[in-house]
Each structure stands twice: as C-alpha cells, then as structure tokens.
Amino acid sequence: MNVLEHIQDDRAVLAALKKLSPRGRIVVLVPAGQWAFGPADLRLGHYRRYTKRSARPLVAALQLELEAIRYYNFVASGAGGGTPESPAVSARATPRSASSIP
C-alpha cells in the first residue's frame, strides 16, 4: 500500500485492511521524516510523513505483528528532493503483544 500518507485516518484504513485479510500481510510504503514535510507534500495531498518511531505504535495499536521496518532510498532522494519512501513496514494480522514488537 502506498497511499497511507494521503488518508487522514490512517489507523482506520489499516484496521479495515486487517479485517479484509485477517491472516494476510500488509506492506506499507510511506514518505519518511515529518521534519521533511513541506509544500510538495501539501501539493501531493499528504497529511503526514512517517518515521520508524511513529509507525511502530500505529502497528501495535492494531495488534499486528511487525515483521520488518526499514528506511530505503532515503539518501539517494535527499531531504526535500522528491518523496523519499520510508519506512517500509511489513506487518501480519497475527495478534501479538505490543511489548514484543521490535
């Protein structure tokens, strides 16, 4: 999924996806760093950018198992140049305690 930053209630969308495929995977690609939020984001209709720190609680609140979270293509894009995609989040709809999420 590469649209989460365009949706005001990102948590509700992830919850709906979890219901559609309770044992499936959700892969999310989002622009990195709220600090880089600027005019280009507004023109693109973004509500936010994400960090690993902001993505983890979103996943934990929905009791999804966080499989991986990483930044990618960030240095090549540069802050303010394009929309660096990050973090990439892969999560399963398998209940897991929030304290065990990496």
C-alpha atoms as a PDB file:
ATOM      1  CA  MET A   1       0.000   0.000   0.000  1.00  0.00           C
ATOM      2  CA  ASN A   2       1.469   3.327  -0.983  1.00  0.00           C
ATOM      3  CA  VAL A   3      -1.325   5.730  -0.010  1.00  0.00           C
ATOM      4  CA  LEU A   4      -1.427   5.861   3.779  1.00  0.00           C
ATOM      5  CA  GLU A   5       0.025   9.375   3.928  1.00  0.00           C
ATOM      6  CA  HIS A   6      -2.916  10.602   1.788  1.00  0.00           C
ATOM      7  CA  ILE A   7      -5.570   9.373   4.239  1.00  0.00           C
ATOM      8  CA  GLN A   8      -6.482  11.425   7.262  1.00  0.00           C
ATOM      9  CA  ASP A   9      -7.383   8.432   9.456  1.00  0.00           C
ATOM     10  CA  ASP A  10      -4.511   6.058   8.708  1.00  0.00           C
ATOM     11  CA  ARG A  11      -5.371   3.807  11.655  1.00  0.00           C
ATOM     12  CA  ALA A  12      -8.922   3.181  10.374  1.00  0.00           C
ATOM     13  CA  VAL A  13      -7.612   2.163   6.952  1.00  0.00           C
ATOM     14  CA  LEU A  14      -5.132  -0.321   8.437  1.00  0.00           C
ATOM     15  CA  ALA A  15      -7.884  -1.720  10.683  1.00  0.00           C
ATOM     16  CA  ALA A  16     -10.136  -2.228   7.637  1.00  0.00           C
ATOM     17  CA  LEU A  17      -7.311  -3.995   5.768  1.00  0.00           C
ATOM     18  CA  LYS A  18      -6.756  -6.254   8.769  1.00  0.00           C
ATOM     19  CA  LYS A  19     -10.433  -7.263   8.664  1.00  0.00           C
ATOM     20  CA  LEU A  20     -10.304  -7.993   4.924  1.00  0.00           C
ATOM     21  CA  SER A  21      -7.456 -10.452   5.312  1.00  0.00           C
ATOM     22  CA  PRO A  22      -7.108 -11.492   8.959  1.00  0.00           C
ATOM     23  CA  ARG A  23      -4.154 -13.836   8.298  1.00  0.00           C
ATOM     24  CA  GLY A  24      -2.604 -11.880   5.420  1.00  0.00           C
ATOM     25  CA  ARG A  25       0.185  -9.351   5.122  1.00  0.00           C
ATOM     26  CA  ILE A  26       0.055  -5.596   4.784  1.00  0.00           C
ATOM     27  CA  VAL A  27       3.054  -3.930   3.174  1.00  0.00           C
ATOM     28  CA  VAL A  28       3.148  -0.171   3.582  1.00  0.00           C
ATOM     29  CA  LEU A  29       5.474   2.291   1.832  1.00  0.00           C
ATOM     30  CA  VAL A  30       5.299   5.855   3.099  1.00  0.00           C
ATOM     31  CA  PRO A  31       7.362   9.048   2.821  1.00  0.00           C
ATOM     32  CA  ALA A  32       9.961   9.496   5.528  1.00  0.00           C
ATOM     33  CA  GLY A  33      10.520  12.110   8.171  1.00  0.00           C
ATOM     34  CA  GLN A  34       7.886  14.544   9.368  1.00  0.00           C
ATOM     35  CA  TRP A  35      10.760  17.049   9.554  1.00  0.00           C
ATOM     36  CA  ALA A  36      10.846  16.967   5.728  1.00  0.00           C
ATOM     37  CA  PHE A  37       7.120  17.738   5.392  1.00  0.00           C
ATOM     38  CA  GLY A  38       6.736  20.751   3.147  1.00  0.00           C
ATOM     39  CA  PRO A  39       4.986  22.394   0.193  1.00  0.00           C
ATOM     40  CA  ALA A  40       5.483  19.358  -2.062  1.00  0.00           C
ATOM     41  CA  ASP A  41       3.674  17.181   0.474  1.00  0.00           C
ATOM     42  CA  LEU A  42       0.777  19.618   0.633  1.00  0.00           C
ATOM     43  CA  ARG A  43       0.519  19.683  -3.164  1.00  0.00           C
ATOM     44  CA  LEU A  44       0.502  15.886  -3.206  1.00  0.00           C
ATOM     45  CA  GLY A  45      -2.273  15.756  -0.598  1.00  0.00           C
ATOM     46  CA  HIS A  46      -0.184  14.278   2.195  1.00  0.00           C
ATOM     47  CA  TYR A  47      -1.382  14.525   5.798  1.00  0.00           C
ATOM     48  CA  ARG A  48       1.899  13.347   7.299  1.00  0.00           C
ATOM     49  CA  ARG A  49       5.226  11.618   6.846  1.00  0.00           C
ATOM     50  CA  TYR A  50       6.377   8.709   8.983  1.00  0.00           C
ATOM     51  CA  THR A  51       9.377   7.541  10.963  1.00  0.00           C
ATOM     52  CA  LYS A  52      10.072   4.139  12.462  1.00  0.00           C
ATOM     53  CA  ARG A  53       9.134   5.674  15.794  1.00  0.00           C
ATOM     54  CA  SER A  54       5.728   6.875  14.522  1.00  0.00           C
ATOM     55  CA  ALA A  55       4.964   3.685  12.566  1.00  0.00           C
ATOM     56  CA  ARG A  56       5.535   1.241  15.445  1.00  0.00           C
ATOM     57  CA  PRO A  57       2.694   2.476  17.706  1.00  0.00           C
ATOM     58  CA  LEU A  58       0.313   2.545  14.732  1.00  0.00           C
ATOM     59  CA  VAL A  59       1.028  -1.131  14.041  1.00  0.00           C
ATOM     60  CA  ALA A  60       0.978  -2.061  17.745  1.00  0.00           C
ATOM     61  CA  ALA A  61      -2.382  -0.362  18.351  1.00  0.00           C
ATOM     62  CA  LEU A  62      -3.946  -2.701  15.790  1.00  0.00           C
ATOM     63  CA  GLN A  63      -2.257  -5.758  17.316  1.00  0.00           C
ATOM     64  CA  LEU A  64      -0.417  -6.514  14.100  1.00  0.00           C
ATOM     65  CA  GLU A  65       2.840  -8.437  14.148  1.00  0.00           C
ATOM     66  CA  LEU A  66       5.586  -6.182  12.843  1.00  0.00           C
ATOM     67  CA  GLU A  67       7.749  -8.299  10.540  1.00  0.00           C
ATOM     68  CA  ALA A  68      10.125  -5.605   9.310  1.00  0.00           C
ATOM     69  CA  ILE A  69      10.530  -1.872   9.258  1.00  0.00           C
ATOM     70  CA  ARG A  70      13.318  -0.145   7.371  1.00  0.00           C
ATOM     71  CA  TYR A  71      14.275   3.011   5.591  1.00  0.00           C
ATOM     72  CA  TYR A  72      15.181   2.738   1.953  1.00  0.00           C
ATOM     73  CA  ASN A  73      16.011   5.054  -0.949  1.00  0.00           C
ATOM     74  CA  PHE A  74      16.430   7.863   1.555  1.00  0.00           C
ATOM     75  CA  VAL A  75      19.954   9.087   0.881  1.00  0.00           C
ATOM     76  CA  ALA A  76      19.505   8.981  -2.885  1.00  0.00           C
ATOM     77  CA  SER A  77      16.350  11.077  -2.712  1.00  0.00           C
ATOM     78  CA  GLY A  78      17.692  13.621  -0.251  1.00  0.00           C
ATOM     79  CA  ALA A  79      15.595  15.740   2.051  1.00  0.00           C
ATOM     80  CA  GLY A  80      13.283  17.933   0.042  1.00  0.00           C
ATOM     81  CA  GLY A  81      14.134  16.247  -3.255  1.00  0.00           C
ATOM     82  CA  GLY A  82      11.269  14.047  -4.301  1.00  0.00           C
ATOM     83  CA  THR A  83       9.449  11.991  -1.723  1.00  0.00           C
ATOM     84  CA  PRO A  84      11.811   9.504  -0.095  1.00  0.00           C
ATOM     85  CA  GLU A  85       9.825   6.390   0.617  1.00  0.00           C
ATOM     86  CA  SER A  86      10.266   5.224   4.162  1.00  0.00           C
ATOM     87  CA  PRO A  87       9.746   3.470   6.392  1.00  0.00           C
ATOM     88  CA  ALA A  88       8.741   0.297   4.598  1.00  0.00           C
ATOM     89  CA  VAL A  89       6.576  -1.677   7.004  1.00  0.00           C
ATOM     90  CA  SER A  90       5.597  -5.302   6.632  1.00  0.00           C
ATOM     91  CA  ALA A  91       3.035  -6.437   9.165  1.00  0.00           C
ATOM     92  CA  ARG A  92       0.952  -9.567   9.697  1.00  0.00           C
ATOM     93  CA  ALA A  93      -2.530  -9.636  11.122  1.00  0.00           C
ATOM     94  CA  THR A  94      -1.421 -12.075  13.810  1.00  0.00           C
ATOM     95  CA  PRO A  95      -2.179 -10.789  17.322  1.00  0.00           C
ATOM     96  CA  ARG A  96       0.971 -10.060  19.291  1.00  0.00           C
ATOM     97  CA  SER A  97       1.614  -8.098  22.427  1.00  0.00           C
ATOM     98  CA  ALA A  98       2.837  -4.550  21.876  1.00  0.00           C
ATOM     99  CA  SER A  99       5.807  -5.151  24.174  1.00  0.00           C
ATOM    100  CA  SER A 100       7.239  -7.792  21.837  1.00  0.00           C
ATOM    101  CA  ILE A 101       7.366  -5.589  18.731  1.00  0.00           C
ATOM    102  CA  PRO A 102      10.973  -4.836  17.671  1.00  0.00           C
END
